[in-house]
Amino acid sequence: MEAINIIPLNRETLVRQILKISEDIFNSIPINIPMEWLSSDFTIAQLRVLLVLQVQGASRMGSIASALEIALPTATGIVDNLVKKDLVVRETDPQDRRLVICKLSPEGQNLINKLWRSGRFQMENLLDGLTLQQLEKAADVAQILFNNVSRKLGKVSGE
């Protein structure tokens, strides 16, 4: 008879187990990258700037450079290229006209929305085939995670 290893369920063990399962899920699903992304002329640096602007909202160049941990002239060059592609717009700061504020243009926001829809499609595929009871459990876990993130951000979430 084989010995069964019983691992005590403590916080660290459970977190490692969840992370391992998450990694297994990520590695087992086919990545669905739209063909337009493969043929685009975007650099990773440009995509990172777009994501920073999505997360932070309208930002000064120094804030973008800081968020990406790059030099200010590097950030300026990346933003220049995104402005040429009509994905970012520059505006003067109403409080100090010497300062420039960068934000996503409508085209830039549309591009970020396409990314979100791609991720949403992947999640729908993960949920496809679950029973109603399993979907209820998944919804409970998703709500627990959202509440935790909201709590960490200092926001109150309705349950």
Protein backbone atom coordinates (compact mmCIF):
# COMPACT_ATOMS: atom_id res chain seq x y z
CA MET A 1 0.00 0.00 0.00
CA GLU A 2 1.28 3.44 -1.02
CA ALA A 3 1.84 6.13 1.58
CA ILE A 4 -0.25 9.20 1.03
CA ASN A 5 1.48 12.49 1.63
CA ILE A 6 -0.86 14.72 3.53
CA ILE A 7 0.16 18.33 3.23
CA PRO A 8 -1.14 20.52 6.02
CA LEU A 9 -3.41 23.22 4.67
CA ASN A 10 -1.86 26.46 5.83
CA ARG A 11 -1.97 29.85 4.15
CA GLU A 12 1.37 29.51 2.37
CA THR A 13 0.56 26.03 1.05
CA LEU A 14 -2.84 27.12 -0.22
CA VAL A 15 -1.45 30.23 -1.92
CA ARG A 16 1.21 28.10 -3.65
CA GLN A 17 -1.46 25.61 -4.71
CA ILE A 18 -3.65 28.37 -6.18
CA LEU A 19 -0.70 29.92 -8.01
CA LYS A 20 0.32 26.51 -9.40
CA ILE A 21 -3.20 25.82 -10.65
CA SER A 22 -3.36 29.30 -12.19
CA GLU A 23 -0.06 28.66 -13.96
CA ASP A 24 -1.31 25.26 -15.17
CA ILE A 25 -4.46 26.89 -16.54
CA PHE A 26 -2.44 29.59 -18.29
CA ASN A 27 -0.07 27.02 -19.82
CA SER A 28 -2.84 24.68 -20.95
CA ILE A 29 -5.11 27.10 -22.81
CA PRO A 30 -4.26 28.07 -26.36
CA ILE A 31 -3.39 31.72 -26.57
CA ASN A 32 -5.70 33.46 -28.98
CA ILE A 33 -3.78 36.41 -30.38
CA PRO A 34 -5.71 38.27 -33.06
CA MET A 35 -3.88 38.33 -36.39
CA GLU A 36 -3.99 42.14 -36.43
CA TRP A 37 -1.74 42.15 -33.36
CA LEU A 38 0.82 39.92 -35.05
CA SER A 39 0.97 42.15 -38.10
CA SER A 40 0.92 45.48 -36.26
CA ASP A 41 3.92 47.75 -35.97
CA PHE A 42 3.50 48.33 -32.21
CA THR A 43 6.44 47.83 -29.95
CA ILE A 44 6.14 46.39 -26.47
CA ALA A 45 7.25 49.78 -25.11
CA GLN A 46 4.38 51.51 -26.94
CA LEU A 47 1.89 48.98 -25.62
CA ARG A 48 3.21 49.53 -22.10
CA VAL A 49 2.66 53.30 -22.43
CA LEU A 50 -0.90 52.71 -23.65
CA LEU A 51 -1.56 50.44 -20.67
CA VAL A 52 -0.12 53.00 -18.24
CA LEU A 53 -2.43 55.66 -19.68
CA GLN A 54 -5.37 53.27 -19.40
CA VAL A 55 -4.60 52.55 -15.74
CA GLN A 56 -3.46 56.01 -14.61
CA GLY A 57 -5.61 58.09 -16.90
CA ALA A 58 -4.28 61.38 -18.26
CA SER A 59 -0.67 61.66 -17.08
CA ARG A 60 2.35 63.90 -17.24
CA MET A 61 5.36 62.58 -19.11
CA GLY A 62 7.35 62.22 -15.89
CA SER A 63 4.63 60.06 -14.39
CA ILE A 64 4.65 57.79 -17.46
CA ALA A 65 8.44 57.47 -17.34
CA SER A 66 8.32 56.74 -13.62
CA ALA A 67 5.61 54.09 -13.97
CA LEU A 68 7.63 52.31 -16.66
CA GLU A 69 10.97 52.90 -14.92
CA ILE A 70 12.47 54.48 -18.04
CA ALA A 71 14.23 57.77 -18.71
CA LEU A 72 12.11 60.82 -19.51
CA PRO A 73 13.58 61.25 -23.03
CA THR A 74 12.80 57.59 -23.76
CA ALA A 75 9.18 58.04 -22.65
CA THR A 76 8.94 61.20 -24.74
CA GLY A 77 10.13 59.35 -27.85
CA ILE A 78 7.67 56.52 -27.32
CA VAL A 79 4.79 58.97 -26.80
CA ASP A 80 5.87 60.92 -29.91
CA ASN A 81 5.41 57.76 -31.98
CA LEU A 82 2.03 57.05 -30.39
CA VAL A 83 0.89 60.60 -31.16
CA LYS A 84 1.91 60.07 -34.81
CA LYS A 85 -0.24 56.91 -34.83
CA ASP A 86 -3.19 58.90 -33.38
CA LEU A 87 -3.30 56.68 -30.28
CA VAL A 88 -2.27 59.34 -27.75
CA VAL A 89 -3.04 63.04 -27.57
CA ARG A 90 -1.11 65.74 -25.76
CA GLU A 91 -2.79 68.64 -23.99
CA THR A 92 -1.49 71.45 -21.83
CA ASP A 93 -2.13 71.27 -18.10
CA PRO A 94 -4.87 73.80 -17.22
CA GLN A 95 -3.04 74.76 -13.98
CA ASP A 96 0.37 75.13 -15.61
CA ARG A 97 0.48 75.60 -19.37
CA ARG A 98 4.18 74.65 -19.41
CA LEU A 99 3.27 71.08 -18.48
CA VAL A 100 1.99 68.56 -20.99
CA ILE A 101 -0.63 65.95 -20.19
CA CYS A 102 -0.83 62.77 -22.28
CA LYS A 103 -3.98 60.71 -22.61
CA LEU A 104 -5.40 58.00 -24.82
CA SER A 105 -7.10 59.23 -27.95
CA PRO A 106 -10.41 57.62 -28.93
CA GLU A 107 -8.40 55.33 -31.26
CA GLY A 108 -6.05 54.43 -28.39
CA GLN A 109 -8.97 53.66 -26.11
CA ASN A 110 -10.49 51.49 -28.84
CA LEU A 111 -7.23 49.55 -29.10
CA ILE A 112 -7.14 48.94 -25.34
CA ASN A 113 -10.80 47.87 -25.46
CA LYS A 114 -9.90 45.29 -28.12
CA LEU A 115 -7.28 43.88 -25.76
CA TRP A 116 -9.86 43.66 -22.99
CA ARG A 117 -12.34 41.90 -25.27
CA SER A 118 -9.68 39.37 -26.22
CA GLY A 119 -9.06 38.58 -22.54
CA ARG A 120 -12.78 38.42 -21.90
CA PHE A 121 -13.16 35.91 -24.75
CA GLN A 122 -10.46 33.74 -23.12
CA MET A 123 -12.32 33.85 -19.80
CA GLU A 124 -15.59 32.90 -21.49
CA ASN A 125 -13.82 29.88 -22.98
CA LEU A 126 -12.57 28.87 -19.52
CA LEU A 127 -16.12 29.03 -18.14
CA ASP A 128 -17.70 27.21 -21.09
CA GLY A 129 -18.79 23.71 -20.11
CA LEU A 130 -19.15 24.35 -16.38
CA THR A 131 -22.38 23.34 -14.69
CA LEU A 132 -24.63 25.95 -13.11
CA GLN A 133 -23.36 24.91 -9.66
CA GLN A 134 -19.73 25.25 -10.78
CA LEU A 135 -20.47 28.66 -12.30
CA GLU A 136 -21.99 29.76 -9.00
CA LYS A 137 -18.79 28.72 -7.19
CA ALA A 138 -16.68 30.50 -9.80
CA ALA A 139 -18.80 33.64 -9.37
CA ASP A 140 -18.32 33.44 -5.59
CA VAL A 141 -14.54 33.15 -5.99
CA ALA A 142 -14.48 36.02 -8.50
CA GLN A 143 -16.47 38.20 -6.05
CA ILE A 144 -14.12 37.29 -3.18
CA LEU A 145 -11.09 38.26 -5.29
CA PHE A 146 -12.73 41.49 -6.43
CA ASN A 147 -13.65 42.41 -2.84
CA ASN A 148 -10.05 41.78 -1.76
CA VAL A 149 -8.67 43.99 -4.54
CA SER A 150 -11.23 46.68 -3.72
CA ARG A 151 -10.33 46.52 -0.04
CA LYS A 152 -6.65 46.86 -0.87
CA LEU A 153 -7.42 49.89 -3.00
CA GLY A 154 -9.46 51.41 -0.19
CA LYS A 155 -12.75 51.06 -1.99
CA VAL A 156 -15.92 49.55 -0.61
CA SER A 157 -17.58 46.89 -2.75
CA GLY A 158 -21.23 45.88 -2.53
CA GLU A 159 -21.78 42.17 -2.23
